[in-house]
Structure formats: C-alpha cells, structure tokens
Amino acid sequence: MVQWIMDAQKANWNYFTQTYPEAAAAHQSFSKALHETAGPLDERTRALIKIGVAVGVQVELALHSHFDRAMKVGCSPAEIEHAIVITATTVGFPRMMDALRVWRDERAHRGL
C-alpha cells in the first residue's frame, strides 16, 4: 500500500478512537465477534470475502487495506486477483476492472 495512504488511514483511525472511544471500542468488539465467533470461515477466506465486498462498494482505501490484510494472513497474489475478477458478474464489470487496476498498482508497488 502507498505509504501516505497507510499514514492517512492510521491518523484517521487514531482521531476516531480518541474522539469517539466508546464507539471505537464497540466497533472493535463487534468486528472481533463477527470474525472469531460468528461462523466457521478461516482467516484467509474471510480476507478474500472482504476484498470482494470492497470491490462492490468501490472504496479504493478499503481495497488497499484489505489487500494488505489478505497478504498478512497468507493469501497469494493469485488468490487475491481471483477474488477480484469473480466479482464481475455480481457487482459489475467496471467495478471489477477498477479494482483490478488498483490491485495491479499495488502489486507493482510491492514488486509482486
């Protein structure tokens, strides 16, 4: 992920947690419960699903964040790209193509 994007995301999260500590804690607790106790999906599968959702909502910052998380839990570049391209028939070809461009930029930046 581009460093300035990572820095901006971190600064925004820090602002949110400092300004709205109860809401931040509730968000973290809710997220943890959904990920860890709501069902049988493993971490890698959940990461790939999150990429598909980010493609659908077309939020580039979310794509970068979820690419990073997917790589950290062991998803391969091919798995990430597959998660992107299979969204075309559900969220639309233009959204998939835009996400694919973002992924290709991310791969180039990472040297993958």
PDB file of N, CA and C in Angstrom:
ATOM      1  N   MET A   1       0.840  -1.166   0.000  1.00  0.00           N
ATOM      2  CA  MET A   1       0.000   0.000   0.000  1.00  0.00           C
ATOM      3  C   MET A   1       0.891   1.238   0.000  1.00  0.00           C
ATOM      4  N   VAL A   2       0.454   2.279  -0.660  1.00  0.00           N
ATOM      5  CA  VAL A   2       1.198   3.526  -0.707  1.00  0.00           C
ATOM      6  C   VAL A   2       1.315   4.080   0.706  1.00  0.00           C
ATOM      7  N   GLN A   3       2.519   4.488   1.090  1.00  0.00           N
ATOM      8  CA  GLN A   3       2.778   4.897   2.472  1.00  0.00           C
ATOM      9  C   GLN A   3       1.883   6.040   2.927  1.00  0.00           C
ATOM     10  N   TRP A   4       1.667   7.034   2.086  1.00  0.00           N
ATOM     11  CA  TRP A   4       0.845   8.160   2.531  1.00  0.00           C
ATOM     12  C   TRP A   4      -0.583   7.710   2.796  1.00  0.00           C
ATOM     13  N   ILE A   5      -1.068   6.711   2.057  1.00  0.00           N
ATOM     14  CA  ILE A   5      -2.414   6.193   2.297  1.00  0.00           C
ATOM     15  C   ILE A   5      -2.455   5.489   3.650  1.00  0.00           C
ATOM     16  N   MET A   6      -1.432   4.673   3.917  1.00  0.00           N
ATOM     17  CA  MET A   6      -1.362   3.984   5.204  1.00  0.00           C
ATOM     18  C   MET A   6      -1.314   4.987   6.350  1.00  0.00           C
ATOM     19  N   ASP A   7      -0.506   6.023   6.190  1.00  0.00           N
ATOM     20  CA  ASP A   7      -0.379   7.045   7.231  1.00  0.00           C
ATOM     21  C   ASP A   7      -1.705   7.783   7.449  1.00  0.00           C
ATOM     22  N   ALA A   8      -2.390   8.103   6.355  1.00  0.00           N
ATOM     23  CA  ALA A   8      -3.669   8.811   6.452  1.00  0.00           C
ATOM     24  C   ALA A   8      -4.723   7.936   7.130  1.00  0.00           C
ATOM     25  N   GLN A   9      -4.742   6.656   6.791  1.00  0.00           N
ATOM     26  CA  GLN A   9      -5.698   5.743   7.418  1.00  0.00           C
ATOM     27  C   GLN A   9      -5.428   5.626   8.915  1.00  0.00           C
ATOM     28  N   LYS A  10      -4.169   5.478   9.268  1.00  0.00           N
ATOM     29  CA  LYS A  10      -3.795   5.347  10.682  1.00  0.00           C
ATOM     30  C   LYS A  10      -4.152   6.619  11.447  1.00  0.00           C
ATOM     31  N   ALA A  11      -3.861   7.776  10.872  1.00  0.00           N
ATOM     32  CA  ALA A  11      -4.176   9.043  11.528  1.00  0.00           C
ATOM     33  C   ALA A  11      -5.689   9.200  11.706  1.00  0.00           C
ATOM     34  N   ASN A  12      -6.449   8.801  10.707  1.00  0.00           N
ATOM     35  CA  ASN A  12      -7.900   8.904  10.799  1.00  0.00           C
ATOM     36  C   ASN A  12      -8.441   7.950  11.861  1.00  0.00           C
ATOM     37  N   TRP A  13      -7.901   6.730  11.924  1.00  0.00           N
ATOM     38  CA  TRP A  13      -8.321   5.782  12.951  1.00  0.00           C
ATOM     39  C   TRP A  13      -7.972   6.306  14.347  1.00  0.00           C
ATOM     40  N   ASN A  14      -6.765   6.862  14.500  1.00  0.00           N
ATOM     41  CA  ASN A  14      -6.360   7.424  15.787  1.00  0.00           C
ATOM     42  C   ASN A  14      -7.286   8.569  16.204  1.00  0.00           C
ATOM     43  N   TYR A  15      -7.644   9.419  15.248  1.00  0.00           N
ATOM     44  CA  TYR A  15      -8.582  10.511  15.537  1.00  0.00           C
ATOM     45  C   TYR A  15      -9.913   9.939  16.020  1.00  0.00           C
ATOM     46  N   PHE A  16     -10.416   8.939  15.286  1.00  0.00           N
ATOM     47  CA  PHE A  16     -11.705   8.344  15.640  1.00  0.00           C
ATOM     48  C   PHE A  16     -11.667   7.736  17.039  1.00  0.00           C
ATOM     49  N   THR A  17     -10.611   6.963  17.337  1.00  0.00           N
ATOM     50  CA  THR A  17     -10.542   6.301  18.642  1.00  0.00           C
ATOM     51  C   THR A  17     -10.376   7.292  19.788  1.00  0.00           C
ATOM     52  N   GLN A  18      -9.685   8.401  19.539  1.00  0.00           N
ATOM     53  CA  GLN A  18      -9.508   9.408  20.584  1.00  0.00           C
ATOM     54  C   GLN A  18     -10.759  10.267  20.769  1.00  0.00           C
ATOM     55  N   THR A  19     -11.437  10.552  19.680  1.00  0.00           N
ATOM     56  CA  THR A  19     -12.608  11.417  19.727  1.00  0.00           C
ATOM     57  C   THR A  19     -13.864  10.661  20.146  1.00  0.00           C
ATOM     58  N   TYR A  20     -13.954   9.405  19.729  1.00  0.00           N
ATOM     59  CA  TYR A  20     -15.130   8.581  19.999  1.00  0.00           C
ATOM     60  C   TYR A  20     -14.712   7.234  20.594  1.00  0.00           C
ATOM     61  N   PRO A  21     -14.109   7.238  21.785  1.00  0.00           N
ATOM     62  CA  PRO A  21     -13.555   5.997  22.329  1.00  0.00           C
ATOM     63  C   PRO A  21     -14.583   4.892  22.546  1.00  0.00           C
ATOM     64  N   GLU A  22     -15.783   5.228  22.979  1.00  0.00           N
ATOM     65  CA  GLU A  22     -16.798   4.195  23.203  1.00  0.00           C
ATOM     66  C   GLU A  22     -17.255   3.584  21.885  1.00  0.00           C
ATOM     67  N   ALA A  23     -17.434   4.406  20.871  1.00  0.00           N
ATOM     68  CA  ALA A  23     -17.841   3.890  19.557  1.00  0.00           C
ATOM     69  C   ALA A  23     -16.734   3.026  18.959  1.00  0.00           C
ATOM     70  N   ALA A  24     -15.490   3.445  19.124  1.00  0.00           N
ATOM     71  CA  ALA A  24     -14.364   2.662  18.611  1.00  0.00           C
ATOM     72  C   ALA A  24     -14.279   1.308  19.299  1.00  0.00           C
ATOM     73  N   ALA A  25     -14.455   1.291  20.607  1.00  0.00           N
ATOM     74  CA  ALA A  25     -14.415   0.034  21.351  1.00  0.00           C
ATOM     75  C   ALA A  25     -15.563  -0.879  20.928  1.00  0.00           C
ATOM     76  N   ALA A  26     -16.740  -0.307  20.748  1.00  0.00           N
ATOM     77  CA  ALA A  26     -17.891  -1.102  20.309  1.00  0.00           C
ATOM     78  C   ALA A  26     -17.653  -1.682  18.912  1.00  0.00           C
ATOM     79  N   HIS A  27     -17.082  -0.870  18.033  1.00  0.00           N
ATOM     80  CA  HIS A  27     -16.768  -1.339  16.677  1.00  0.00           C
ATOM     81  C   HIS A  27     -15.778  -2.497  16.730  1.00  0.00           C
ATOM     82  N   GLN A  28     -14.730  -2.345  17.519  1.00  0.00           N
ATOM     83  CA  GLN A  28     -13.710  -3.398  17.611  1.00  0.00           C
ATOM     84  C   GLN A  28     -14.294  -4.672  18.208  1.00  0.00           C
ATOM     85  N   SER A  29     -15.124  -4.547  19.203  1.00  0.00           N
ATOM     86  CA  SER A  29     -15.748  -5.710  19.826  1.00  0.00           C
ATOM     87  C   SER A  29     -16.690  -6.415  18.852  1.00  0.00           C
ATOM     88  N   PHE A  30     -17.489  -5.641  18.134  1.00  0.00           N
ATOM     89  CA  PHE A  30     -18.414  -6.189  17.155  1.00  0.00           C
ATOM     90  C   PHE A  30     -17.656  -6.908  16.045  1.00  0.00           C
ATOM     91  N   SER A  31     -16.616  -6.275  15.542  1.00  0.00           N
ATOM     92  CA  SER A  31     -15.798  -6.868  14.483  1.00  0.00           C
ATOM     93  C   SER A  31     -15.157  -8.170  14.949  1.00  0.00           C
ATOM     94  N   LYS A  32     -14.614  -8.161  16.146  1.00  0.00           N
ATOM     95  CA  LYS A  32     -13.977  -9.358  16.690  1.00  0.00           C
ATOM     96  C   LYS A  32     -14.987 -10.490  16.825  1.00  0.00           C
ATOM     97  N   ALA A  33     -16.165 -10.180  17.335  1.00  0.00           N
ATOM     98  CA  ALA A  33     -17.207 -11.204  17.490  1.00  0.00           C
ATOM     99  C   ALA A  33     -17.609 -11.789  16.140  1.00  0.00           C
ATOM    100  N   LEU A  34     -17.777 -10.943  15.148  1.00  0.00           N
ATOM    101  CA  LEU A  34     -18.162 -11.436  13.822  1.00  0.00           C
ATOM    102  C   LEU A  34     -17.081 -12.319  13.220  1.00  0.00           C
ATOM    103  N   HIS A  35     -15.839 -11.916  13.371  1.00  0.00           N
ATOM    104  CA  HIS A  35     -14.744 -12.668  12.768  1.00  0.00           C
ATOM    105  C   HIS A  35     -14.414 -13.949  13.511  1.00  0.00           C
ATOM    106  N   GLU A  36     -14.465 -13.918  14.812  1.00  0.00           N
ATOM    107  CA  GLU A  36     -13.959 -15.046  15.589  1.00  0.00           C
ATOM    108  C   GLU A  36     -15.017 -16.030  16.057  1.00  0.00           C
ATOM    109  N   THR A  37     -16.272 -15.589  16.185  1.00  0.00           N
ATOM    110  CA  THR A  37     -17.260 -16.497  16.761  1.00  0.00           C
ATOM    111  C   THR A  37     -18.534 -16.662  15.943  1.00  0.00           C
ATOM    112  N   ALA A  38     -18.696 -15.911  14.879  1.00  0.00           N
ATOM    113  CA  ALA A  38     -19.962 -15.949  14.144  1.00  0.00           C
ATOM    114  C   ALA A  38     -20.059 -17.094  13.145  1.00  0.00           C
ATOM    115  N   GLY A  39     -18.955 -17.783  12.865  1.00  0.00           N
ATOM    116  CA  GLY A  39     -19.053 -18.862  11.891  1.00  0.00           C
ATOM    117  C   GLY A  39     -17.740 -19.569  11.659  1.00  0.00           C
ATOM    118  N   PRO A  40     -17.757 -20.530  10.742  1.00  0.00           N
ATOM    119  CA  PRO A  40     -16.617 -21.420  10.554  1.00  0.00           C
ATOM    120  C   PRO A  40     -15.555 -20.948   9.563  1.00  0.00           C
ATOM    121  N   LEU A  41     -15.706 -19.786   8.950  1.00  0.00           N
ATOM    122  CA  LEU A  41     -14.748 -19.364   7.933  1.00  0.00           C
ATOM    123  C   LEU A  41     -13.384 -19.069   8.541  1.00  0.00           C
ATOM    124  N   ASP A  42     -12.340 -19.545   7.860  1.00  0.00           N
ATOM    125  CA  ASP A  42     -10.986 -19.273   8.341  1.00  0.00           C
ATOM    126  C   ASP A  42     -10.561 -17.862   7.947  1.00  0.00           C
ATOM    127  N   GLU A  43      -9.439 -17.440   8.509  1.00  0.00           N
ATOM    128  CA  GLU A  43      -8.953 -16.070   8.318  1.00  0.00           C
ATOM    129  C   GLU A  43      -8.702 -15.727   6.847  1.00  0.00           C
ATOM    130  N   ARG A  44      -8.119 -16.642   6.108  1.00  0.00           N
ATOM    131  CA  ARG A  44      -7.815 -16.385   4.697  1.00  0.00           C
ATOM    132  C   ARG A  44      -9.105 -16.217   3.894  1.00  0.00           C
ATOM    133  N   THR A  45     -10.083 -17.087   4.139  1.00  0.00           N
ATOM    134  CA  THR A  45     -11.363 -16.985   3.424  1.00  0.00           C
ATOM    135  C   THR A  45     -12.047 -15.672   3.742  1.00  0.00           C
ATOM    136  N   ARG A  46     -12.054 -15.301   5.012  1.00  0.00           N
ATOM    137  CA  ARG A  46     -12.666 -14.026   5.401  1.00  0.00           C
ATOM    138  C   ARG A  46     -11.970 -12.853   4.718  1.00  0.00           C
ATOM    139  N   ALA A  47     -10.654 -12.906   4.623  1.00  0.00           N
ATOM    140  CA  ALA A  47      -9.907 -11.816   3.975  1.00  0.00           C
ATOM    141  C   ALA A  47     -10.286 -11.694   2.504  1.00  0.00           C
ATOM    142  N   LEU A  48     -10.443 -12.809   1.823  1.00  0.00           N
ATOM    143  CA  LEU A  48     -10.817 -12.781   0.406  1.00  0.00           C
ATOM    144  C   LEU A  48     -12.250 -12.278   0.218  1.00  0.00           C
ATOM    145  N   ILE A  49     -13.138 -12.661   1.115  1.00  0.00           N
ATOM    146  CA  ILE A  49     -14.518 -12.155   1.051  1.00  0.00           C
ATOM    147  C   ILE A  49     -14.524 -10.648   1.235  1.00  0.00           C
ATOM    148  N   LYS A  50     -13.724 -10.153   2.175  1.00  0.00           N
ATOM    149  CA  LYS A  50     -13.659  -8.708   2.414  1.00  0.00           C
ATOM    150  C   LYS A  50     -13.173  -7.959   1.168  1.00  0.00           C
ATOM    151  N   ILE A  51     -12.270  -8.578   0.418  1.00  0.00           N
ATOM    152  CA  ILE A  51     -11.828  -7.958  -0.833  1.00  0.00           C
ATOM    153  C   ILE A  51     -13.010  -7.859  -1.792  1.00  0.00           C
ATOM    154  N   GLY A  52     -13.776  -8.925  -1.908  1.00  0.00           N
ATOM    155  CA  GLY A  52     -14.948  -8.902  -2.782  1.00  0.00           C
ATOM    156  C   GLY A  52     -15.936  -7.816  -2.394  1.00  0.00           C
ATOM    157  N   VAL A  53     -16.143  -7.641  -1.108  1.00  0.00           N
ATOM    158  CA  VAL A  53     -17.046  -6.594  -0.625  1.00  0.00           C
ATOM    159  C   VAL A  53     -16.476  -5.217  -0.960  1.00  0.00           C
ATOM    160  N   ALA A  54     -15.171  -5.038  -0.757  1.00  0.00           N
ATOM    161  CA  ALA A  54     -14.532  -3.752  -1.068  1.00  0.00           C
ATOM    162  C   ALA A  54     -14.640  -3.435  -2.555  1.00  0.00           C
ATOM    163  N   VAL A  55     -14.541  -4.461  -3.404  1.00  0.00           N
ATOM    164  CA  VAL A  55     -14.739  -4.245  -4.844  1.00  0.00           C
ATOM    165  C   VAL A  55     -16.156  -3.727  -5.079  1.00  0.00           C
ATOM    166  N   GLY A  56     -17.125  -4.365  -4.434  1.00  0.00           N
ATOM    167  CA  GLY A  56     -18.526  -4.000  -4.635  1.00  0.00           C
ATOM    168  C   GLY A  56     -18.869  -2.597  -4.193  1.00  0.00           C
ATOM    169  N   VAL A  57     -18.297  -2.159  -3.075  1.00  0.00           N
ATOM    170  CA  VAL A  57     -18.612  -0.810  -2.593  1.00  0.00           C
ATOM    171  C   VAL A  57     -17.725   0.244  -3.242  1.00  0.00           C
ATOM    172  N   GLN A  58     -16.723  -0.207  -3.963  1.00  0.00           N
ATOM    173  CA  GLN A  58     -15.845   0.656  -4.758  1.00  0.00           C
ATOM    174  C   GLN A  58     -15.182   1.748  -3.922  1.00  0.00           C
ATOM    175  N   VAL A  59     -14.534   1.315  -2.836  1.00  0.00           N
ATOM    176  CA  VAL A  59     -13.794   2.241  -1.981  1.00  0.00           C
ATOM    177  C   VAL A  59     -12.322   1.853  -2.065  1.00  0.00           C
ATOM    178  N   GLU A  60     -11.537   2.668  -2.747  1.00  0.00           N
ATOM    179  CA  GLU A  60     -10.139   2.327  -3.002  1.00  0.00           C
ATOM    180  C   GLU A  60      -9.335   2.153  -1.723  1.00  0.00           C
ATOM    181  N   LEU A  61      -9.572   2.998  -0.720  1.00  0.00           N
ATOM    182  CA  LEU A  61      -8.835   2.841   0.542  1.00  0.00           C
ATOM    183  C   LEU A  61      -9.137   1.488   1.181  1.00  0.00           C
ATOM    184  N   ALA A  62     -10.379   1.040   1.083  1.00  0.00           N
ATOM    185  CA  ALA A  62     -10.737  -0.275   1.625  1.00  0.00           C
ATOM    186  C   ALA A  62     -10.020  -1.375   0.856  1.00  0.00           C
ATOM    187  N   LEU A  63      -9.923  -1.221  -0.456  1.00  0.00           N
ATOM    188  CA  LEU A  63      -9.202  -2.219  -1.247  1.00  0.00           C
ATOM    189  C   LEU A  63      -7.759  -2.340  -0.772  1.00  0.00           C
ATOM    190  N   HIS A  64      -7.079  -1.217  -0.634  1.00  0.00           N
ATOM    191  CA  HIS A  64      -5.685  -1.256  -0.178  1.00  0.00           C
ATOM    192  C   HIS A  64      -5.575  -1.925   1.189  1.00  0.00           C
ATOM    193  N   SER A  65      -6.457  -1.558   2.082  1.00  0.00           N
ATOM    194  CA  SER A  65      -6.439  -2.118   3.425  1.00  0.00           C
ATOM    195  C   SER A  65      -6.671  -3.628   3.396  1.00  0.00           C
ATOM    196  N   HIS A  66      -7.637  -4.071   2.613  1.00  0.00           N
ATOM    197  CA  HIS A  66      -7.943  -5.499   2.571  1.00  0.00           C
ATOM    198  C   HIS A  66      -6.907  -6.296   1.778  1.00  0.00           C
ATOM    199  N   PHE A  67      -6.272  -5.681   0.797  1.00  0.00           N
ATOM    200  CA  PHE A  67      -5.151  -6.357   0.129  1.00  0.00           C
ATOM    201  C   PHE A  67      -4.052  -6.622   1.147  1.00  0.00           C
ATOM    202  N   ASP A  68      -3.750  -5.603   1.943  1.00  0.00           N
ATOM    203  CA  ASP A  68      -2.699  -5.723   2.948  1.00  0.00           C
ATOM    204  C   ASP A  68      -3.032  -6.814   3.963  1.00  0.00           C
ATOM    205  N   ARG A  69      -4.263  -6.824   4.454  1.00  0.00           N
ATOM    206  CA  ARG A  69      -4.666  -7.836   5.427  1.00  0.00           C
ATOM    207  C   ARG A  69      -4.622  -9.237   4.835  1.00  0.00           C
ATOM    208  N   ALA A  70      -5.069  -9.366   3.596  1.00  0.00           N
ATOM    209  CA  ALA A  70      -5.067 -10.683   2.945  1.00  0.00           C
ATOM    210  C   ALA A  70      -3.643 -11.217   2.800  1.00  0.00           C
ATOM    211  N   MET A  71      -2.719 -10.345   2.425  1.00  0.00           N
ATOM    212  CA  MET A  71      -1.326 -10.773   2.297  1.00  0.00           C
ATOM    213  C   MET A  71      -0.770 -11.183   3.670  1.00  0.00           C
ATOM    214  N   LYS A  72      -1.135 -10.452   4.708  1.00  0.00           N
ATOM    215  CA  LYS A  72      -0.632 -10.757   6.052  1.00  0.00           C
ATOM    216  C   LYS A  72      -1.123 -12.104   6.570  1.00  0.00           C
ATOM    217  N   VAL A  73      -2.305 -12.549   6.128  1.00  0.00           N
ATOM    218  CA  VAL A  73      -2.813 -13.842   6.602  1.00  0.00           C
ATOM    219  C   VAL A  73      -2.491 -14.981   5.632  1.00  0.00           C
ATOM    220  N   GLY A  74      -1.658 -14.692   4.633  1.00  0.00           N
ATOM    221  CA  GLY A  74      -1.149 -15.750   3.776  1.00  0.00           C
ATOM    222  C   GLY A  74      -1.834 -15.952   2.441  1.00  0.00           C
ATOM    223  N   CYS A  75      -2.682 -15.043   2.030  1.00  0.00           N
ATOM    224  CA  CYS A  75      -3.299 -15.170   0.707  1.00  0.00           C
ATOM    225  C   CYS A  75      -2.263 -14.838  -0.356  1.00  0.00           C
ATOM    226  N   SER A  76      -2.268 -15.607  -1.422  1.00  0.00           N
ATOM    227  CA  SER A  76      -1.326 -15.375  -2.507  1.00  0.00           C
ATOM    228  C   SER A  76      -1.846 -14.275  -3.431  1.00  0.00           C
ATOM    229  N   PRO A  77      -0.956 -13.661  -4.204  1.00  0.00           N
ATOM    230  CA  PRO A  77      -1.413 -12.687  -5.193  1.00  0.00           C
ATOM    231  C   PRO A  77      -2.453 -13.273  -6.150  1.00  0.00           C
ATOM    232  N   ALA A  78      -2.290 -14.529  -6.537  1.00  0.00           N
ATOM    233  CA  ALA A  78      -3.254 -15.165  -7.448  1.00  0.00           C
ATOM    234  C   ALA A  78      -4.621 -15.311  -6.785  1.00  0.00           C
ATOM    235  N   GLU A  79      -4.638 -15.635  -5.499  1.00  0.00           N
ATOM    236  CA  GLU A  79      -5.920 -15.755  -4.788  1.00  0.00           C
ATOM    237  C   GLU A  79      -6.607 -14.399  -4.676  1.00  0.00           C
ATOM    238  N   ILE A  80      -5.837 -13.373  -4.404  1.00  0.00           N
ATOM    239  CA  ILE A  80      -6.401 -12.024  -4.301  1.00  0.00           C
ATOM    240  C   ILE A  80      -6.974 -11.597  -5.646  1.00  0.00           C
ATOM    241  N   GLU A  81      -6.223 -11.836  -6.702  1.00  0.00           N
ATOM    242  CA  GLU A  81      -6.718 -11.455  -8.026  1.00  0.00           C
ATOM    243  C   GLU A  81      -7.971 -12.245  -8.386  1.00  0.00           C
ATOM    244  N   HIS A  82      -8.010 -13.515  -8.043  1.00  0.00           N
ATOM    245  CA  HIS A  82      -9.201 -14.318  -8.308  1.00  0.00           C
ATOM    246  C   HIS A  82     -10.401 -13.751  -7.555  1.00  0.00           C
ATOM    247  N   ALA A  83     -10.197 -13.351  -6.295  1.00  0.00           N
ATOM    248  CA  ALA A  83     -11.282 -12.752  -5.514  1.00  0.00           C
ATOM    249  C   ALA A  83     -11.805 -11.483  -6.189  1.00  0.00           C
ATOM    250  N   ILE A  84     -10.933 -10.772  -6.867  1.00  0.00           N
ATOM    251  CA  ILE A  84     -11.348  -9.555  -7.574  1.00  0.00           C
ATOM    252  C   ILE A  84     -12.131  -9.902  -8.838  1.00  0.00           C
ATOM    253  N   VAL A  85     -11.568 -10.741  -9.701  1.00  0.00           N
ATOM    254  CA  VAL A  85     -12.192 -10.966 -11.011  1.00  0.00           C
ATOM    255  C   VAL A  85     -13.532 -11.683 -10.915  1.00  0.00           C
ATOM    256  N   ILE A  86     -13.739 -12.517  -9.879  1.00  0.00           N
ATOM    257  CA  ILE A  86     -15.034 -13.204  -9.796  1.00  0.00           C
ATOM    258  C   ILE A  86     -16.173 -12.276  -9.386  1.00  0.00           C
ATOM    259  N   THR A  87     -15.859 -11.054  -9.009  1.00  0.00           N
ATOM    260  CA  THR A  87     -16.919 -10.102  -8.653  1.00  0.00           C
ATOM    261  C   THR A  87     -17.611  -9.511  -9.876  1.00  0.00           C
ATOM    262  N   ALA A  88     -17.040  -9.668 -11.052  1.00  0.00           N
ATOM    263  CA  ALA A  88     -17.563  -9.001 -12.255  1.00  0.00           C
ATOM    264  C   ALA A  88     -19.034  -9.302 -12.505  1.00  0.00           C
ATOM    265  N   THR A  89     -19.444 -10.544 -12.312  1.00  0.00           N
ATOM    266  CA  THR A  89     -20.838 -10.900 -12.616  1.00  0.00           C
ATOM    267  C   THR A  89     -21.803 -10.502 -11.502  1.00  0.00           C
ATOM    268  N   THR A  90     -21.287 -10.125 -10.355  1.00  0.00           N
ATOM    269  CA  THR A  90     -22.144  -9.733  -9.239  1.00  0.00           C
ATOM    270  C   THR A  90     -22.207  -8.218  -9.072  1.00  0.00           C
ATOM    271  N   VAL A  91     -21.058  -7.567  -9.085  1.00  0.00           N
ATOM    272  CA  VAL A  91     -21.028  -6.120  -8.839  1.00  0.00           C
ATOM    273  C   VAL A  91     -20.863  -5.299 -10.112  1.00  0.00           C
ATOM    274  N   GLY A  92     -20.538  -5.957 -11.201  1.00  0.00           N
ATOM    275  CA  GLY A  92     -20.394  -5.266 -12.476  1.00  0.00           C
ATOM    276  C   GLY A  92     -18.958  -5.226 -12.963  1.00  0.00           C
ATOM    277  N   PHE A  93     -18.832  -5.327 -14.280  1.00  0.00           N
ATOM    278  CA  PHE A  93     -17.522  -5.358 -14.917  1.00  0.00           C
ATOM    279  C   PHE A  93     -16.706  -4.096 -14.653  1.00  0.00           C
ATOM    280  N   PRO A  94     -17.290  -2.888 -14.737  1.00  0.00           N
ATOM    281  CA  PRO A  94     -16.492  -1.686 -14.485  1.00  0.00           C
ATOM    282  C   PRO A  94     -15.908  -1.625 -13.072  1.00  0.00           C
ATOM    283  N   ARG A  95     -16.668  -2.039 -12.073  1.00  0.00           N
ATOM    284  CA  ARG A  95     -16.148  -2.032 -10.699  1.00  0.00           C
ATOM    285  C   ARG A  95     -15.016  -3.042 -10.551  1.00  0.00           C
ATOM    286  N   MET A  96     -15.201  -4.209 -11.149  1.00  0.00           N
ATOM    287  CA  MET A  96     -14.148  -5.218 -11.093  1.00  0.00           C
ATOM    288  C   MET A  96     -12.891  -4.695 -11.778  1.00  0.00           C
ATOM    289  N   MET A  97     -13.050  -4.080 -12.942  1.00  0.00           N
ATOM    290  CA  MET A  97     -11.886  -3.572 -13.673  1.00  0.00           C
ATOM    291  C   MET A  97     -11.165  -2.481 -12.886  1.00  0.00           C
ATOM    292  N   ASP A  98     -11.906  -1.630 -12.206  1.00  0.00           N
ATOM    293  CA  ASP A  98     -11.270  -0.595 -11.406  1.00  0.00           C
ATOM    294  C   ASP A  98     -10.484  -1.219 -10.257  1.00  0.00           C
ATOM    295  N   ALA A  99     -11.079  -2.212  -9.596  1.00  0.00           N
ATOM    296  CA  ALA A  99     -10.376  -2.898  -8.509  1.00  0.00           C
ATOM    297  C   ALA A  99      -9.155  -3.640  -9.034  1.00  0.00           C
ATOM    298  N   LEU A 100      -9.260  -4.218 -10.210  1.00  0.00           N
ATOM    299  CA  LEU A 100      -8.122  -4.909 -10.809  1.00  0.00           C
ATOM    300  C   LEU A 100      -6.985  -3.935 -11.083  1.00  0.00           C
ATOM    301  N   ARG A 101      -7.319  -2.731 -11.525  1.00  0.00           N
ATOM    302  CA  ARG A 101      -6.296  -1.693 -11.731  1.00  0.00           C
ATOM    303  C   ARG A 101      -5.616  -1.346 -10.410  1.00  0.00           C
ATOM    304  N   VAL A 102      -6.423  -1.173  -9.359  1.00  0.00           N
ATOM    305  CA  VAL A 102      -5.861  -0.849  -8.046  1.00  0.00           C
ATOM    306  C   VAL A 102      -4.941  -1.985  -7.592  1.00  0.00           C
ATOM    307  N   TRP A 103      -5.367  -3.226  -7.788  1.00  0.00           N
ATOM    308  CA  TRP A 103      -4.548  -4.382  -7.399  1.00  0.00           C
ATOM    309  C   TRP A 103      -3.254  -4.436  -8.198  1.00  0.00           C
ATOM    310  N   ARG A 104      -3.325  -4.171  -9.506  1.00  0.00           N
ATOM    311  CA  ARG A 104      -2.117  -4.190 -10.332  1.00  0.00           C
ATOM    312  C   ARG A 104      -1.143  -3.106  -9.877  1.00  0.00           C
ATOM    313  N   ASP A 105      -1.667  -1.936  -9.509  1.00  0.00           N
ATOM    314  CA  ASP A 105      -0.813  -0.872  -8.970  1.00  0.00           C
ATOM    315  C   ASP A 105      -0.174  -1.316  -7.658  1.00  0.00           C
ATOM    316  N   GLU A 106      -0.976  -1.952  -6.807  1.00  0.00           N
ATOM    317  CA  GLU A 106      -0.477  -2.440  -5.518  1.00  0.00           C
ATOM    318  C   GLU A 106       0.620  -3.483  -5.737  1.00  0.00           C
ATOM    319  N   ARG A 107       0.387  -4.390  -6.657  1.00  0.00           N
ATOM    320  CA  ARG A 107       1.386  -5.427  -6.948  1.00  0.00           C
ATOM    321  C   ARG A 107       2.686  -4.793  -7.444  1.00  0.00           C
ATOM    322  N   ALA A 108       2.580  -3.832  -8.334  1.00  0.00           N
ATOM    323  CA  ALA A 108       3.768  -3.162  -8.857  1.00  0.00           C
ATOM    324  C   ALA A 108       4.531  -2.477  -7.718  1.00  0.00           C
ATOM    325  N   HIS A 109       3.779  -1.812  -6.850  1.00  0.00           N
ATOM    326  CA  HIS A 109       4.395  -1.117  -5.712  1.00  0.00           C
ATOM    327  C   HIS A 109       5.117  -2.106  -4.791  1.00  0.00           C
ATOM    328  N   ARG A 110       4.551  -3.264  -4.603  1.00  0.00           N
ATOM    329  CA  ARG A 110       5.141  -4.286  -3.732  1.00  0.00           C
ATOM    330  C   ARG A 110       6.197  -5.136  -4.442  1.00  0.00           C
ATOM    331  N   GLY A 111       6.297  -4.990  -5.748  1.00  0.00           N
ATOM    332  CA  GLY A 111       7.244  -5.809  -6.500  1.00  0.00           C
ATOM    333  C   GLY A 111       6.807  -7.255  -6.640  1.00  0.00           C
ATOM    334  N   LEU A 112       5.511  -7.474  -6.713  1.00  0.00           N
ATOM    335  CA  LEU A 112       4.975  -8.837  -6.826  1.00  0.00           C
ATOM    336  C   LEU A 112       4.704  -9.221  -8.269  1.00  0.00           C
TER     337      LEU A 112
END
